[in-house]
Amino acid sequence: MQERQKLAGETRRRNDPERRQRIIDATLTVIERDGVAGTTHRRIAEAAAVPLGSVTYYFTSLEDLLTAAFLQLATTSSGAFKARLDAAATRSEAIEGVIDIIAGSIWADPRTLLLSYELYAYAARHPEVTAVMQQWMDNSRAALGRFFDPVTARALDALVEGIGIHNSIDAVPLDQAAIRLIVQRITDVV
């Protein structure tokens, strides 16, 4: 009997190979909608359109699932950041890349900003997730490090996030011209 149930479970998994990924994607959707504090296994299962047991089958705890979701967010965001800077061949092009990252869709996306706020707050209270944040910052700084010294790369990394946060709340966000002026001021300092 137990063997038959095991085989039936394996058959269902083979018929739904994307289930684990759907659960991670749904977790980010629930975090965006309800915040980490409002994220539950049940809400994730509903958003992913999977049985509740599937969530606990793939992830042993809610913390494991949140970590996987935040790792996906960090990987996706730092990948887009790196791709934009990889397109630069010169320092001037890298400066334009930083401006695009701040003012464009890579960091200025409201969903990315909201999820990153949740990630920062969660990481502050869950040291095991701090590694996700550190990896994200390391990836960003490495991409910037092709064109800028370590201190300038760190300042630009902080600027990307800081302006994004401020622009998401300010009644009059900084426009691209103002962002360009700030980035140029930081990168012109020797």
N, C-alpha and C. Protein backbone atom coordinates (compact mmCIF):
# COMPACT_ATOMS: atom_id res chain seq x y z
N MET A 1 0.83 -1.20 0.00
CA MET A 1 0.00 0.00 0.00
C MET A 1 0.87 1.26 0.00
N GLN A 2 1.86 1.29 0.89
CA GLN A 2 2.74 2.45 0.97
C GLN A 2 3.49 2.65 -0.34
N GLU A 3 3.92 1.56 -0.96
CA GLU A 3 4.65 1.64 -2.23
C GLU A 3 3.75 2.24 -3.31
N ARG A 4 2.48 1.86 -3.33
CA ARG A 4 1.54 2.38 -4.33
C ARG A 4 1.35 3.89 -4.13
N GLN A 5 1.23 4.33 -2.88
CA GLN A 5 1.08 5.76 -2.61
C GLN A 5 2.33 6.52 -3.04
N LYS A 6 3.49 5.94 -2.79
CA LYS A 6 4.74 6.58 -3.20
C LYS A 6 4.80 6.72 -4.71
N LEU A 7 4.45 5.66 -5.43
CA LEU A 7 4.44 5.72 -6.90
C LEU A 7 3.42 6.72 -7.41
N ALA A 8 2.25 6.78 -6.77
CA ALA A 8 1.23 7.75 -7.19
C ALA A 8 1.74 9.17 -6.99
N GLY A 9 2.43 9.41 -5.88
CA GLY A 9 3.00 10.73 -5.63
C GLY A 9 4.05 11.09 -6.65
N GLU A 10 4.90 10.12 -7.03
CA GLU A 10 5.93 10.38 -8.03
C GLU A 10 5.30 10.67 -9.39
N THR A 11 4.21 9.98 -9.72
CA THR A 11 3.53 10.23 -10.99
C THR A 11 2.98 11.64 -11.01
N ARG A 12 2.35 12.05 -9.91
CA ARG A 12 1.81 13.41 -9.88
C ARG A 12 2.93 14.43 -10.03
N ARG A 13 4.05 14.21 -9.36
CA ARG A 13 5.16 15.16 -9.49
C ARG A 13 5.66 15.23 -10.92
N ARG A 14 5.76 14.09 -11.57
CA ARG A 14 6.23 14.09 -12.95
C ARG A 14 5.26 14.83 -13.85
N ASN A 15 3.97 14.81 -13.49
CA ASN A 15 2.99 15.51 -14.30
C ASN A 15 2.96 17.01 -14.02
N ASP A 16 3.64 17.46 -13.00
CA ASP A 16 3.65 18.88 -12.64
C ASP A 16 5.07 19.29 -12.27
N PRO A 17 5.98 19.26 -13.24
CA PRO A 17 7.38 19.54 -12.93
C PRO A 17 7.64 21.00 -12.52
N GLU A 18 6.71 21.88 -12.78
CA GLU A 18 6.90 23.30 -12.46
C GLU A 18 6.32 23.69 -11.11
N ARG A 19 5.79 22.72 -10.38
CA ARG A 19 5.09 23.02 -9.12
C ARG A 19 5.98 23.75 -8.12
N ARG A 20 7.18 23.28 -7.91
CA ARG A 20 8.08 23.92 -6.95
C ARG A 20 8.31 25.38 -7.32
N GLN A 21 8.56 25.63 -8.61
CA GLN A 21 8.79 27.00 -9.06
C GLN A 21 7.53 27.86 -8.90
N ARG A 22 6.37 27.29 -9.19
CA ARG A 22 5.11 28.03 -9.00
C ARG A 22 4.92 28.42 -7.53
N ILE A 23 5.34 27.55 -6.64
CA ILE A 23 5.22 27.84 -5.21
C ILE A 23 6.14 29.01 -4.84
N ILE A 24 7.35 29.01 -5.36
CA ILE A 24 8.27 30.13 -5.08
C ILE A 24 7.72 31.43 -5.66
N ASP A 25 7.25 31.38 -6.90
CA ASP A 25 6.68 32.59 -7.53
C ASP A 25 5.47 33.09 -6.74
N ALA A 26 4.63 32.16 -6.30
CA ALA A 26 3.44 32.54 -5.52
C ALA A 26 3.85 33.15 -4.18
N THR A 27 4.93 32.66 -3.62
CA THR A 27 5.41 33.22 -2.35
C THR A 27 5.75 34.69 -2.53
N LEU A 28 6.44 35.02 -3.61
CA LEU A 28 6.76 36.44 -3.86
C LEU A 28 5.49 37.25 -4.07
N THR A 29 4.50 36.68 -4.74
CA THR A 29 3.23 37.38 -4.94
C THR A 29 2.54 37.64 -3.61
N VAL A 30 2.54 36.64 -2.73
CA VAL A 30 1.91 36.80 -1.42
C VAL A 30 2.68 37.81 -0.58
N ILE A 31 4.01 37.75 -0.61
CA ILE A 31 4.81 38.73 0.14
C ILE A 31 4.51 40.14 -0.37
N GLU A 32 4.44 40.30 -1.68
CA GLU A 32 4.13 41.61 -2.25
C GLU A 32 2.76 42.10 -1.78
N ARG A 33 1.80 41.22 -1.75
CA ARG A 33 0.43 41.58 -1.39
C ARG A 33 0.24 41.76 0.12
N ASP A 34 0.80 40.83 0.93
CA ASP A 34 0.50 40.77 2.36
C ASP A 34 1.68 41.04 3.26
N GLY A 35 2.87 41.18 2.69
CA GLY A 35 4.07 41.33 3.50
C GLY A 35 4.49 39.98 4.06
N VAL A 36 5.71 39.91 4.56
CA VAL A 36 6.19 38.66 5.14
C VAL A 36 5.31 38.27 6.32
N ALA A 37 4.91 39.24 7.12
CA ALA A 37 4.11 38.94 8.31
C ALA A 37 2.77 38.28 7.95
N GLY A 38 2.24 38.59 6.78
CA GLY A 38 0.96 38.01 6.36
C GLY A 38 1.10 36.81 5.45
N THR A 39 2.31 36.33 5.27
CA THR A 39 2.55 35.19 4.38
C THR A 39 2.40 33.89 5.16
N THR A 40 1.53 33.03 4.66
CA THR A 40 1.30 31.73 5.30
C THR A 40 1.36 30.63 4.25
N HIS A 41 1.52 29.40 4.71
CA HIS A 41 1.49 28.26 3.79
C HIS A 41 0.18 28.24 3.02
N ARG A 42 -0.90 28.49 3.69
CA ARG A 42 -2.23 28.43 3.06
C ARG A 42 -2.36 29.48 1.96
N ARG A 43 -1.95 30.70 2.23
CA ARG A 43 -2.05 31.77 1.22
C ARG A 43 -1.15 31.47 0.01
N ILE A 44 0.01 30.91 0.28
CA ILE A 44 0.91 30.55 -0.80
C ILE A 44 0.28 29.45 -1.65
N ALA A 45 -0.27 28.43 -1.01
CA ALA A 45 -0.91 27.33 -1.74
C ALA A 45 -2.05 27.85 -2.61
N GLU A 46 -2.86 28.75 -2.06
CA GLU A 46 -3.96 29.33 -2.84
C GLU A 46 -3.43 30.11 -4.04
N ALA A 47 -2.41 30.92 -3.82
CA ALA A 47 -1.85 31.73 -4.91
C ALA A 47 -1.19 30.86 -5.98
N ALA A 48 -0.60 29.74 -5.58
CA ALA A 48 0.06 28.84 -6.53
C ALA A 48 -0.92 27.85 -7.16
N ALA A 49 -2.14 27.81 -6.63
CA ALA A 49 -3.16 26.86 -7.09
C ALA A 49 -2.66 25.41 -6.94
N VAL A 50 -2.12 25.13 -5.76
CA VAL A 50 -1.65 23.78 -5.43
C VAL A 50 -2.24 23.36 -4.09
N PRO A 51 -2.30 22.07 -3.83
CA PRO A 51 -2.75 21.62 -2.52
C PRO A 51 -1.79 22.11 -1.43
N LEU A 52 -2.33 22.38 -0.27
CA LEU A 52 -1.52 22.86 0.85
C LEU A 52 -0.35 21.92 1.14
N GLY A 53 -0.56 20.63 1.04
CA GLY A 53 0.49 19.66 1.29
C GLY A 53 1.68 19.79 0.35
N SER A 54 1.46 20.31 -0.85
CA SER A 54 2.56 20.50 -1.79
C SER A 54 3.57 21.52 -1.28
N VAL A 55 3.06 22.54 -0.62
CA VAL A 55 3.96 23.58 -0.10
C VAL A 55 4.90 22.97 0.93
N THR A 56 4.34 22.20 1.84
CA THR A 56 5.18 21.61 2.89
C THR A 56 5.98 20.42 2.37
N TYR A 57 5.57 19.84 1.26
CA TYR A 57 6.35 18.76 0.66
C TYR A 57 7.66 19.31 0.10
N TYR A 58 7.59 20.42 -0.60
CA TYR A 58 8.77 20.98 -1.25
C TYR A 58 9.64 21.81 -0.30
N PHE A 59 9.03 22.36 0.74
CA PHE A 59 9.76 23.23 1.68
C PHE A 59 9.44 22.80 3.10
N THR A 60 10.46 22.47 3.86
CA THR A 60 10.25 21.91 5.20
C THR A 60 9.70 22.94 6.19
N SER A 61 9.91 24.22 5.91
CA SER A 61 9.38 25.26 6.80
C SER A 61 9.07 26.50 5.98
N LEU A 62 8.31 27.39 6.57
CA LEU A 62 8.01 28.65 5.92
C LEU A 62 9.29 29.46 5.73
N GLU A 63 10.21 29.36 6.69
CA GLU A 63 11.49 30.07 6.58
C GLU A 63 12.28 29.58 5.37
N ASP A 64 12.27 28.27 5.12
CA ASP A 64 12.96 27.73 3.94
C ASP A 64 12.35 28.28 2.66
N LEU A 65 11.04 28.37 2.64
CA LEU A 65 10.34 28.88 1.45
C LEU A 65 10.61 30.37 1.26
N LEU A 66 10.57 31.14 2.34
CA LEU A 66 10.87 32.57 2.23
C LEU A 66 12.30 32.79 1.75
N THR A 67 13.22 31.99 2.27
CA THR A 67 14.62 32.09 1.84
C THR A 67 14.74 31.79 0.35
N ALA A 68 14.08 30.75 -0.13
CA ALA A 68 14.14 30.40 -1.55
C ALA A 68 13.55 31.52 -2.41
N ALA A 69 12.45 32.09 -1.95
CA ALA A 69 11.81 33.18 -2.71
C ALA A 69 12.71 34.42 -2.74
N PHE A 70 13.27 34.77 -1.59
CA PHE A 70 14.14 35.93 -1.55
C PHE A 70 15.44 35.70 -2.33
N LEU A 71 15.93 34.48 -2.32
CA LEU A 71 17.10 34.16 -3.13
C LEU A 71 16.79 34.34 -4.61
N GLN A 72 15.61 33.92 -5.03
CA GLN A 72 15.21 34.12 -6.43
C GLN A 72 15.12 35.60 -6.76
N LEU A 73 14.54 36.40 -5.88
CA LEU A 73 14.46 37.84 -6.09
C LEU A 73 15.86 38.43 -6.24
N ALA A 74 16.75 38.07 -5.33
CA ALA A 74 18.12 38.60 -5.36
C ALA A 74 18.85 38.17 -6.62
N THR A 75 18.69 36.93 -7.01
CA THR A 75 19.37 36.41 -8.21
C THR A 75 18.87 37.11 -9.47
N THR A 76 17.56 37.27 -9.56
CA THR A 76 16.97 37.93 -10.72
C THR A 76 17.39 39.39 -10.80
N SER A 77 17.29 40.09 -9.69
CA SER A 77 17.64 41.51 -9.67
C SER A 77 19.12 41.74 -9.91
N SER A 78 19.98 40.97 -9.25
CA SER A 78 21.41 41.17 -9.47
C SER A 78 21.82 40.72 -10.86
N GLY A 79 21.10 39.76 -11.43
CA GLY A 79 21.37 39.34 -12.81
C GLY A 79 21.07 40.45 -13.80
N ALA A 80 19.94 41.13 -13.60
CA ALA A 80 19.58 42.25 -14.48
C ALA A 80 20.57 43.41 -14.32
N PHE A 81 20.97 43.66 -13.08
CA PHE A 81 21.96 44.70 -12.77
C PHE A 81 23.27 44.38 -13.50
N LYS A 82 23.73 43.14 -13.35
CA LYS A 82 24.99 42.72 -13.98
C LYS A 82 24.89 42.78 -15.50
N ALA A 83 23.78 42.33 -16.05
CA ALA A 83 23.62 42.35 -17.51
C ALA A 83 23.70 43.77 -18.05
N ARG A 84 23.10 44.72 -17.33
CA ARG A 84 23.16 46.11 -17.80
C ARG A 84 24.59 46.63 -17.76
N LEU A 85 25.33 46.31 -16.71
CA LEU A 85 26.71 46.79 -16.63
C LEU A 85 27.64 45.99 -17.54
N ASP A 86 27.32 44.73 -17.81
CA ASP A 86 28.12 43.95 -18.76
C ASP A 86 28.04 44.53 -20.17
N ALA A 87 26.97 45.24 -20.46
CA ALA A 87 26.81 45.86 -21.77
C ALA A 87 27.74 47.07 -21.94
N ALA A 88 28.28 47.56 -20.83
CA ALA A 88 29.18 48.72 -20.88
C ALA A 88 30.60 48.27 -21.21
N ALA A 89 31.24 49.04 -22.07
CA ALA A 89 32.63 48.76 -22.42
C ALA A 89 33.58 49.80 -21.82
N THR A 90 33.02 50.95 -21.45
CA THR A 90 33.84 52.04 -20.90
C THR A 90 33.24 52.52 -19.58
N ARG A 91 34.02 53.29 -18.88
CA ARG A 91 33.52 53.88 -17.62
C ARG A 91 32.32 54.79 -17.89
N SER A 92 32.37 55.55 -18.96
CA SER A 92 31.23 56.43 -19.30
C SER A 92 29.97 55.62 -19.56
N GLU A 93 30.13 54.50 -20.26
CA GLU A 93 28.96 53.63 -20.51
C GLU A 93 28.47 53.00 -19.21
N ALA A 94 29.38 52.71 -18.30
CA ALA A 94 28.99 52.16 -17.00
C ALA A 94 28.21 53.20 -16.20
N ILE A 95 28.63 54.45 -16.27
CA ILE A 95 27.89 55.52 -15.60
C ILE A 95 26.47 55.61 -16.15
N GLU A 96 26.35 55.53 -17.47
CA GLU A 96 25.01 55.53 -18.09
C GLU A 96 24.21 54.32 -17.63
N GLY A 97 24.90 53.18 -17.47
CA GLY A 97 24.24 51.97 -16.98
C GLY A 97 23.69 52.16 -15.57
N VAL A 98 24.48 52.78 -14.71
CA VAL A 98 24.03 53.03 -13.33
C VAL A 98 22.80 53.94 -13.34
N ILE A 99 22.84 54.96 -14.17
CA ILE A 99 21.70 55.88 -14.28
C ILE A 99 20.46 55.12 -14.75
N ASP A 100 20.65 54.25 -15.75
CA ASP A 100 19.52 53.44 -16.25
C ASP A 100 18.99 52.51 -15.18
N ILE A 101 19.88 51.91 -14.40
CA ILE A 101 19.46 50.99 -13.34
C ILE A 101 18.60 51.74 -12.32
N ILE A 102 19.01 52.93 -11.94
CA ILE A 102 18.26 53.70 -10.94
C ILE A 102 16.94 54.20 -11.52
N ALA A 103 16.98 54.78 -12.70
CA ALA A 103 15.80 55.44 -13.27
C ALA A 103 14.92 54.50 -14.08
N GLY A 104 15.45 53.37 -14.48
CA GLY A 104 14.71 52.47 -15.36
C GLY A 104 14.00 51.35 -14.65
N SER A 105 13.78 50.29 -15.39
CA SER A 105 12.93 49.21 -14.89
C SER A 105 13.66 48.21 -14.00
N ILE A 106 14.98 48.26 -13.94
CA ILE A 106 15.70 47.26 -13.14
C ILE A 106 15.45 47.48 -11.65
N TRP A 107 15.65 48.67 -11.17
CA TRP A 107 15.48 48.92 -9.74
C TRP A 107 14.24 49.74 -9.45
N ALA A 108 13.79 50.55 -10.37
CA ALA A 108 12.67 51.44 -10.11
C ALA A 108 11.32 50.72 -10.17
N ASP A 109 11.31 49.46 -10.55
CA ASP A 109 10.08 48.68 -10.60
C ASP A 109 9.45 48.62 -9.21
N PRO A 110 8.20 49.04 -9.06
CA PRO A 110 7.58 49.07 -7.73
C PRO A 110 7.56 47.70 -7.03
N ARG A 111 7.36 46.63 -7.79
CA ARG A 111 7.33 45.29 -7.18
C ARG A 111 8.70 44.94 -6.60
N THR A 112 9.75 45.19 -7.36
CA THR A 112 11.11 44.89 -6.89
C THR A 112 11.42 45.69 -5.63
N LEU A 113 11.05 46.96 -5.63
CA LEU A 113 11.29 47.79 -4.45
C LEU A 113 10.55 47.27 -3.23
N LEU A 114 9.27 46.97 -3.39
CA LEU A 114 8.48 46.49 -2.26
C LEU A 114 9.03 45.17 -1.73
N LEU A 115 9.35 44.25 -2.63
CA LEU A 115 9.90 42.96 -2.19
C LEU A 115 11.26 43.14 -1.53
N SER A 116 12.06 44.07 -2.02
CA SER A 116 13.36 44.29 -1.40
C SER A 116 13.21 44.89 0.00
N TYR A 117 12.21 45.75 0.22
CA TYR A 117 11.95 46.26 1.57
C TYR A 117 11.65 45.09 2.50
N GLU A 118 10.81 44.19 2.03
CA GLU A 118 10.45 43.01 2.83
C GLU A 118 11.69 42.15 3.10
N LEU A 119 12.54 42.01 2.10
CA LEU A 119 13.76 41.22 2.26
C LEU A 119 14.67 41.84 3.30
N TYR A 120 14.87 43.14 3.23
CA TYR A 120 15.73 43.81 4.21
C TYR A 120 15.20 43.62 5.63
N ALA A 121 13.91 43.81 5.82
CA ALA A 121 13.33 43.67 7.15
C ALA A 121 13.44 42.23 7.64
N TYR A 122 13.17 41.28 6.76
CA TYR A 122 13.24 39.87 7.14
C TYR A 122 14.68 39.47 7.47
N ALA A 123 15.62 39.91 6.66
CA ALA A 123 17.03 39.58 6.88
C ALA A 123 17.54 40.17 8.20
N ALA A 124 17.01 41.32 8.58
CA ALA A 124 17.44 41.95 9.84
C ALA A 124 17.08 41.09 11.05
N ARG A 125 16.02 40.29 10.90
CA ARG A 125 15.57 39.46 12.02
C ARG A 125 15.89 37.97 11.83
N HIS A 126 16.42 37.62 10.68
CA HIS A 126 16.73 36.22 10.38
C HIS A 126 18.14 36.16 9.79
N PRO A 127 19.14 36.02 10.64
CA PRO A 127 20.54 36.07 10.19
C PRO A 127 20.86 35.09 9.06
N GLU A 128 20.16 33.96 8.99
CA GLU A 128 20.45 33.02 7.92
C GLU A 128 20.11 33.59 6.54
N VAL A 129 19.25 34.60 6.49
CA VAL A 129 18.88 35.23 5.22
C VAL A 129 19.83 36.39 4.90
N THR A 130 20.60 36.80 5.87
CA THR A 130 21.58 37.85 5.63
C THR A 130 22.52 37.46 4.50
N ALA A 131 22.81 36.17 4.37
CA ALA A 131 23.68 35.70 3.29
C ALA A 131 23.08 36.02 1.92
N VAL A 132 21.76 35.97 1.80
CA VAL A 132 21.09 36.32 0.54
C VAL A 132 21.36 37.79 0.22
N MET A 133 21.20 38.65 1.23
CA MET A 133 21.46 40.08 1.04
C MET A 133 22.92 40.33 0.70
N GLN A 134 23.82 39.64 1.41
CA GLN A 134 25.24 39.83 1.16
C GLN A 134 25.61 39.41 -0.25
N GLN A 135 25.04 38.30 -0.71
CA GLN A 135 25.30 37.83 -2.07
C GLN A 135 24.83 38.86 -3.10
N TRP A 136 23.66 39.42 -2.87
CA TRP A 136 23.11 40.44 -3.77
C TRP A 136 24.05 41.64 -3.82
N MET A 137 24.48 42.13 -2.65
CA MET A 137 25.39 43.28 -2.62
C MET A 137 26.73 42.94 -3.25
N ASP A 138 27.26 41.76 -2.97
CA ASP A 138 28.53 41.34 -3.57
C ASP A 138 28.44 41.30 -5.09
N ASN A 139 27.35 40.77 -5.61
CA ASN A 139 27.17 40.69 -7.06
C ASN A 139 27.10 42.08 -7.68
N SER A 140 26.35 42.98 -7.03
CA SER A 140 26.24 44.35 -7.54
C SER A 140 27.59 45.06 -7.52
N ARG A 141 28.29 44.90 -6.42
CA ARG A 141 29.59 45.58 -6.29
C ARG A 141 30.62 44.98 -7.25
N ALA A 142 30.53 43.70 -7.50
CA ALA A 142 31.46 43.08 -8.47
C ALA A 142 31.20 43.63 -9.87
N ALA A 143 29.93 43.78 -10.22
CA ALA A 143 29.60 44.34 -11.54
C ALA A 143 30.09 45.78 -11.65
N LEU A 144 29.93 46.55 -10.59
CA LEU A 144 30.41 47.93 -10.58
C LEU A 144 31.94 47.98 -10.53
N GLY A 145 32.55 46.99 -9.90
CA GLY A 145 34.00 46.95 -9.72
C GLY A 145 34.79 46.85 -11.00
N ARG A 146 34.16 46.50 -12.10
CA ARG A 146 34.86 46.50 -13.39
C ARG A 146 35.26 47.92 -13.79
N PHE A 147 34.55 48.91 -13.29
CA PHE A 147 34.76 50.29 -13.74
C PHE A 147 35.13 51.27 -12.62
N PHE A 148 34.85 50.87 -11.38
CA PHE A 148 35.02 51.80 -10.27
C PHE A 148 35.81 51.13 -9.14
N ASP A 149 36.53 51.94 -8.37
CA ASP A 149 37.26 51.42 -7.21
C ASP A 149 36.25 50.91 -6.18
N PRO A 150 36.68 50.10 -5.22
CA PRO A 150 35.74 49.48 -4.27
C PRO A 150 34.88 50.46 -3.48
N VAL A 151 35.44 51.58 -3.07
CA VAL A 151 34.65 52.55 -2.30
C VAL A 151 33.58 53.20 -3.17
N THR A 152 33.94 53.56 -4.39
CA THR A 152 32.97 54.17 -5.30
C THR A 152 31.90 53.14 -5.68
N ALA A 153 32.30 51.90 -5.90
CA ALA A 153 31.33 50.85 -6.22
C ALA A 153 30.33 50.68 -5.08
N ARG A 154 30.83 50.71 -3.86
CA ARG A 154 29.93 50.58 -2.71
C ARG A 154 28.99 51.78 -2.60
N ALA A 155 29.51 52.96 -2.84
CA ALA A 155 28.67 54.17 -2.79
C ALA A 155 27.59 54.13 -3.88
N LEU A 156 27.97 53.70 -5.07
CA LEU A 156 26.99 53.60 -6.15
C LEU A 156 25.93 52.55 -5.85
N ASP A 157 26.35 51.44 -5.27
CA ASP A 157 25.39 50.39 -4.90
C ASP A 157 24.38 50.93 -3.90
N ALA A 158 24.87 51.66 -2.90
CA ALA A 158 23.98 52.26 -1.90
C ALA A 158 23.08 53.32 -2.55
N LEU A 159 23.64 54.06 -3.48
CA LEU A 159 22.88 55.09 -4.17
C LEU A 159 21.72 54.49 -4.97
N VAL A 160 21.99 53.39 -5.66
CA VAL A 160 20.95 52.73 -6.44
C VAL A 160 19.76 52.42 -5.54
N GLU A 161 20.03 51.80 -4.41
CA GLU A 161 18.94 51.42 -3.52
C GLU A 161 18.33 52.64 -2.83
N GLY A 162 19.16 53.56 -2.40
CA GLY A 162 18.67 54.73 -1.68
C GLY A 162 17.76 55.61 -2.52
N ILE A 163 18.17 55.91 -3.74
CA ILE A 163 17.32 56.74 -4.60
C ILE A 163 16.04 55.99 -4.93
N GLY A 164 16.15 54.69 -5.16
CA GLY A 164 14.94 53.90 -5.43
C GLY A 164 13.95 53.99 -4.30
N ILE A 165 14.44 53.85 -3.08
CA ILE A 165 13.57 53.93 -1.90
C ILE A 165 12.95 55.32 -1.80
N HIS A 166 13.76 56.34 -1.92
CA HIS A 166 13.25 57.71 -1.81
C HIS A 166 12.26 58.01 -2.93
N ASN A 167 12.60 57.62 -4.16
CA ASN A 167 11.70 57.90 -5.28
C ASN A 167 10.37 57.17 -5.15
N SER A 168 10.35 56.04 -4.48
CA SER A 168 9.09 55.31 -4.33
C SER A 168 8.15 55.98 -3.33
N ILE A 169 8.70 56.90 -2.52
CA ILE A 169 7.91 57.54 -1.48
C ILE A 169 7.74 59.04 -1.71
N ASP A 170 8.78 59.69 -2.24
CA ASP A 170 8.73 61.14 -2.42
C ASP A 170 7.59 61.56 -3.34
N ALA A 171 6.98 62.70 -2.99
CA ALA A 171 5.91 63.25 -3.82
C ALA A 171 6.47 63.68 -5.18
N VAL A 172 7.71 64.16 -5.19
CA VAL A 172 8.36 64.57 -6.44
C VAL A 172 9.67 63.78 -6.54
N PRO A 173 9.62 62.61 -7.21
CA PRO A 173 10.83 61.80 -7.32
C PRO A 173 11.90 62.48 -8.17
N LEU A 174 13.14 62.09 -7.96
CA LEU A 174 14.22 62.61 -8.79
C LEU A 174 14.04 62.12 -10.22
N ASP A 175 14.23 63.03 -11.17
CA ASP A 175 14.14 62.63 -12.57
C ASP A 175 15.51 62.16 -13.06
N GLN A 176 15.56 61.71 -14.29
CA GLN A 176 16.80 61.16 -14.82
C GLN A 176 17.93 62.19 -14.85
N ALA A 177 17.61 63.44 -15.11
CA ALA A 177 18.65 64.48 -15.14
C ALA A 177 19.27 64.66 -13.75
N ALA A 178 18.45 64.66 -12.71
CA ALA A 178 18.97 64.80 -11.35
C ALA A 178 19.79 63.57 -10.96
N ILE A 179 19.30 62.40 -11.35
CA ILE A 179 20.04 61.16 -11.05
C ILE A 179 21.39 61.19 -11.76
N ARG A 180 21.42 61.63 -13.00
CA ARG A 180 22.67 61.74 -13.75
C ARG A 180 23.66 62.65 -13.03
N LEU A 181 23.20 63.80 -12.56
CA LEU A 181 24.06 64.75 -11.86
C LEU A 181 24.65 64.12 -10.60
N ILE A 182 23.84 63.41 -9.84
CA ILE A 182 24.32 62.78 -8.60
C ILE A 182 25.35 61.69 -8.91
N VAL A 183 25.04 60.84 -9.88
CA VAL A 183 25.97 59.76 -10.25
C VAL A 183 27.28 60.35 -10.75
N GLN A 184 27.22 61.38 -11.56
CA GLN A 184 28.44 61.99 -12.06
C GLN A 184 29.26 62.61 -10.94
N ARG A 185 28.61 63.20 -9.97
CA ARG A 185 29.33 63.78 -8.84
C ARG A 185 30.06 62.71 -8.04
N ILE A 186 29.42 61.58 -7.84
CA ILE A 186 30.04 60.49 -7.09
C ILE A 186 31.19 59.87 -7.88
N THR A 187 31.01 59.70 -9.17
CA THR A 187 32.03 59.02 -9.98
C THR A 187 33.16 59.95 -10.39
N ASP A 188 32.98 61.26 -10.26
CA ASP A 188 34.05 62.19 -10.59
C ASP A 188 35.02 62.39 -9.43
N VAL A 189 34.64 61.99 -8.24
CA VAL A 189 35.50 62.13 -7.08
C VAL A 189 36.62 61.10 -7.18
N VAL A 190 37.83 61.54 -7.01
CA VAL A 190 38.98 60.64 -7.12
C VAL A 190 39.61 60.43 -5.78
